[in-house]
């Protein structure tokens, strides 16, 4: 598994260009990523890409598609929601999200992993891609969020628990 890239974005409003601004926060996120990758002896690279606001989503997705796993620092200002959703659904790659404010504590292993499960082919591929990480985790939680309490949703989550167990991964399933 190669952690090849980390995304740190100042998502602009529609009229602005996306510019890399070497802010203290951006530098902390990139430094935490570099430290974690070096500690785990994982190859990585830093990529600074400038683009217009309306090109951000496609640029991030295109970059993610050629990486094993991507880390994404999430700001809680509401401006990244559409980008994160597109990255998760359209990149075809596992994405590890973490709160930007927790970047100084970014671990070089992921002991607790949550799987957002909807029984789709995309979710199945993400789980398959993440098996090496899941095997190392101390805790794996599968979560299905739905408006309905369908038996099929519950059954597919329970089947995923069984599937992961066949790989030596202990997981729990919940539908809040």
Protein backbone atom coordinates (compact mmCIF):
# COMPACT_ATOMS: atom_id res chain seq x y z
CA UNK A 1 0.00 0.00 0.00
CA UNK A 2 1.42 3.35 -1.00
CA UNK A 3 0.12 6.53 0.54
CA UNK A 4 0.97 8.56 -2.50
CA UNK A 5 -0.77 11.80 -1.89
CA UNK A 6 -2.52 14.02 0.60
CA UNK A 7 -4.97 16.74 -0.29
CA UNK A 8 -4.93 20.08 1.46
CA UNK A 9 -7.33 22.51 -0.13
CA UNK A 10 -8.47 26.00 0.50
CA UNK A 11 -11.70 25.57 -1.43
CA UNK A 12 -12.47 28.91 -3.07
CA UNK A 13 -15.82 30.49 -3.69
CA UNK A 14 -16.92 30.16 -7.30
CA UNK A 15 -15.36 33.43 -8.44
CA UNK A 16 -11.90 32.73 -7.00
CA UNK A 17 -9.02 30.67 -8.28
CA UNK A 18 -7.70 27.83 -6.17
CA UNK A 19 -4.29 28.93 -5.05
CA UNK A 20 -1.97 27.10 -2.75
CA UNK A 21 -1.41 29.41 0.15
CA UNK A 22 1.39 28.29 2.43
CA UNK A 23 -0.64 28.87 5.57
CA UNK A 24 0.30 27.50 8.96
CA UNK A 25 -2.57 24.99 8.76
CA UNK A 26 -1.63 23.75 5.28
CA UNK A 27 1.98 23.38 6.36
CA UNK A 28 0.91 21.44 9.49
CA UNK A 29 -1.22 19.04 7.46
CA UNK A 30 1.51 18.42 4.90
CA UNK A 31 4.15 18.00 7.63
CA UNK A 32 1.93 15.53 9.54
CA UNK A 33 1.38 13.54 6.34
CA UNK A 34 5.11 13.52 5.58
CA UNK A 35 5.98 12.46 9.13
CA UNK A 36 3.41 9.63 9.14
CA UNK A 37 4.51 8.39 5.71
CA UNK A 38 8.21 8.43 6.65
CA UNK A 39 7.54 6.68 9.97
CA UNK A 40 5.66 3.94 8.13
CA UNK A 41 8.34 3.82 5.41
CA UNK A 42 5.74 4.52 2.77
CA UNK A 43 6.60 6.36 -0.44
CA UNK A 44 4.78 9.64 -0.91
CA UNK A 45 4.89 12.84 -2.85
CA UNK A 46 3.60 16.34 -2.46
CA UNK A 47 1.76 17.85 -5.41
CA UNK A 48 0.75 21.49 -5.58
CA UNK A 49 -1.72 22.08 -8.36
CA UNK A 50 -3.29 25.40 -9.25
CA UNK A 51 -6.66 25.49 -10.96
CA UNK A 52 -9.85 27.50 -11.27
CA UNK A 53 -12.58 26.92 -8.70
CA UNK A 54 -14.79 25.08 -11.19
CA UNK A 55 -11.93 22.65 -11.98
CA UNK A 56 -11.10 21.63 -8.39
CA UNK A 57 -13.34 18.58 -8.19
CA UNK A 58 -12.22 17.06 -11.49
CA UNK A 59 -8.54 17.79 -10.72
CA UNK A 60 -8.72 16.09 -7.31
CA UNK A 61 -10.62 13.07 -8.68
CA UNK A 62 -8.17 12.68 -11.58
CA UNK A 63 -5.21 12.80 -9.19
CA UNK A 64 -6.83 10.31 -6.78
CA UNK A 65 -7.47 7.73 -9.49
CA UNK A 66 -3.75 7.05 -9.89
CA UNK A 67 -3.02 6.64 -6.17
CA UNK A 68 -3.38 3.64 -3.88
CA UNK A 69 -4.93 5.63 -1.06
CA UNK A 70 -5.56 9.33 -0.59
CA UNK A 71 -5.74 11.28 2.63
CA UNK A 72 -7.96 14.32 2.73
CA UNK A 73 -7.89 16.98 5.44
CA UNK A 74 -11.48 18.05 6.06
CA UNK A 75 -12.36 21.57 7.12
CA UNK A 76 -15.66 21.92 8.88
CA UNK A 77 -16.79 25.05 7.06
CA UNK A 78 -19.30 23.33 4.76
CA UNK A 79 -17.51 24.29 1.54
CA UNK A 80 -16.00 20.84 0.91
CA UNK A 81 -19.09 18.65 1.14
CA UNK A 82 -19.75 18.34 -2.61
CA UNK A 83 -16.05 17.81 -3.32
CA UNK A 84 -15.73 15.07 -0.69
CA UNK A 85 -18.87 13.33 -1.94
CA UNK A 86 -17.57 13.41 -5.52
CA UNK A 87 -14.14 12.17 -4.40
CA UNK A 88 -15.67 9.27 -2.47
CA UNK A 89 -18.08 8.27 -5.23
CA UNK A 90 -16.16 9.06 -8.41
CA UNK A 91 -12.46 8.49 -7.72
CA UNK A 92 -12.73 4.71 -7.50
CA UNK A 93 -10.05 4.77 -4.79
CA UNK A 94 -10.05 4.46 -1.00
CA UNK A 95 -10.12 7.85 0.67
CA UNK A 96 -9.14 8.44 4.28
CA UNK A 97 -10.76 11.54 5.71
CA UNK A 98 -9.48 13.25 8.83
CA UNK A 99 -10.32 16.50 10.55
CA UNK A 100 -7.84 19.21 9.65
CA UNK A 101 -7.52 20.23 13.29
CA UNK A 102 -6.33 16.73 14.19
CA UNK A 103 -3.50 16.74 11.66
CA UNK A 104 -0.78 17.10 14.28
CA UNK A 105 -1.87 13.72 15.65
CA UNK A 106 -2.10 11.97 12.28
CA UNK A 107 -1.08 8.37 12.99
CA UNK A 108 1.09 6.18 10.80
CA UNK A 109 -1.46 3.40 11.24
CA UNK A 110 -5.20 3.40 11.34
CA UNK A 111 -6.43 1.47 14.35
CA UNK A 112 -10.12 2.40 14.07
CA UNK A 113 -11.76 2.22 10.66
CA UNK A 114 -15.35 2.94 9.70
CA UNK A 115 -16.87 1.60 6.50
CA UNK A 116 -19.84 3.45 5.00
CA UNK A 117 -21.74 0.52 3.51
CA UNK A 118 -24.63 0.70 1.06
CA UNK A 119 -24.12 -2.65 -0.70
CA UNK A 120 -23.14 -0.91 -3.94
CA UNK A 121 -20.38 -2.00 -6.29
CA UNK A 122 -18.45 1.13 -5.31
CA UNK A 123 -18.64 0.24 -1.61
CA UNK A 124 -17.60 -3.35 -2.35
CA UNK A 125 -14.59 -2.14 -4.35
CA UNK A 126 -13.59 0.29 -1.61
CA UNK A 127 -13.72 -2.51 0.98
CA UNK A 128 -11.67 -4.80 -1.28
CA UNK A 129 -9.09 -2.05 -1.86
CA UNK A 130 -8.88 -1.36 1.86
CA UNK A 131 -8.37 -4.99 2.96
CA UNK A 132 -4.66 -4.47 3.82
CA UNK A 133 -5.60 -1.60 6.15
CA UNK A 134 -8.61 -3.42 7.56
CA UNK A 135 -6.44 -6.41 8.48
CA UNK A 136 -4.20 -4.16 10.59
CA UNK A 137 -7.03 -2.29 12.32
CA UNK A 138 -7.94 -2.95 15.93
CA UNK A 139 -11.54 -1.92 15.35
CA UNK A 140 -13.67 -2.05 12.19
CA UNK A 141 -17.19 -0.64 12.24
CA UNK A 142 -19.57 -1.02 9.29
CA UNK A 143 -22.29 1.62 9.20
CA UNK A 144 -25.34 1.75 6.96
CA UNK A 145 -27.46 4.89 7.11
CA UNK A 146 -30.82 4.68 5.39
CA UNK A 147 -34.27 6.15 5.68
CA UNK A 148 -35.68 2.66 5.59
CA UNK A 149 -35.10 -0.23 7.99
CA UNK A 150 -35.07 -2.73 5.14
CA UNK A 151 -34.13 -6.30 5.93
CA UNK A 152 -31.98 -6.35 2.79
CA UNK A 153 -29.82 -3.50 4.07
CA UNK A 154 -29.31 -5.26 7.39
CA UNK A 155 -28.61 -8.59 5.69
CA UNK A 156 -25.95 -7.12 3.37
CA UNK A 157 -24.19 -5.48 6.31
CA UNK A 158 -24.21 -8.75 8.24
CA UNK A 159 -22.89 -10.56 5.16
CA UNK A 160 -20.03 -8.06 4.97
CA UNK A 161 -19.17 -8.84 8.60
CA UNK A 162 -19.01 -12.54 7.66
CA UNK A 163 -16.93 -11.80 4.56
CA UNK A 164 -14.43 -9.73 6.54
CA UNK A 165 -14.23 -12.49 9.17
CA UNK A 166 -13.11 -14.88 6.42
CA UNK A 167 -10.12 -12.53 5.99
CA UNK A 168 -9.39 -12.55 9.72
CA UNK A 169 -11.01 -9.14 10.28
CA UNK A 170 -13.36 -8.72 13.22
CA UNK A 171 -16.02 -6.13 12.44
CA UNK A 172 -19.30 -4.93 13.85
CA UNK A 173 -22.31 -3.72 11.87
CA UNK A 174 -24.78 -1.04 12.85
CA UNK A 175 -27.70 0.81 11.36
CA UNK A 176 -28.24 3.91 13.49
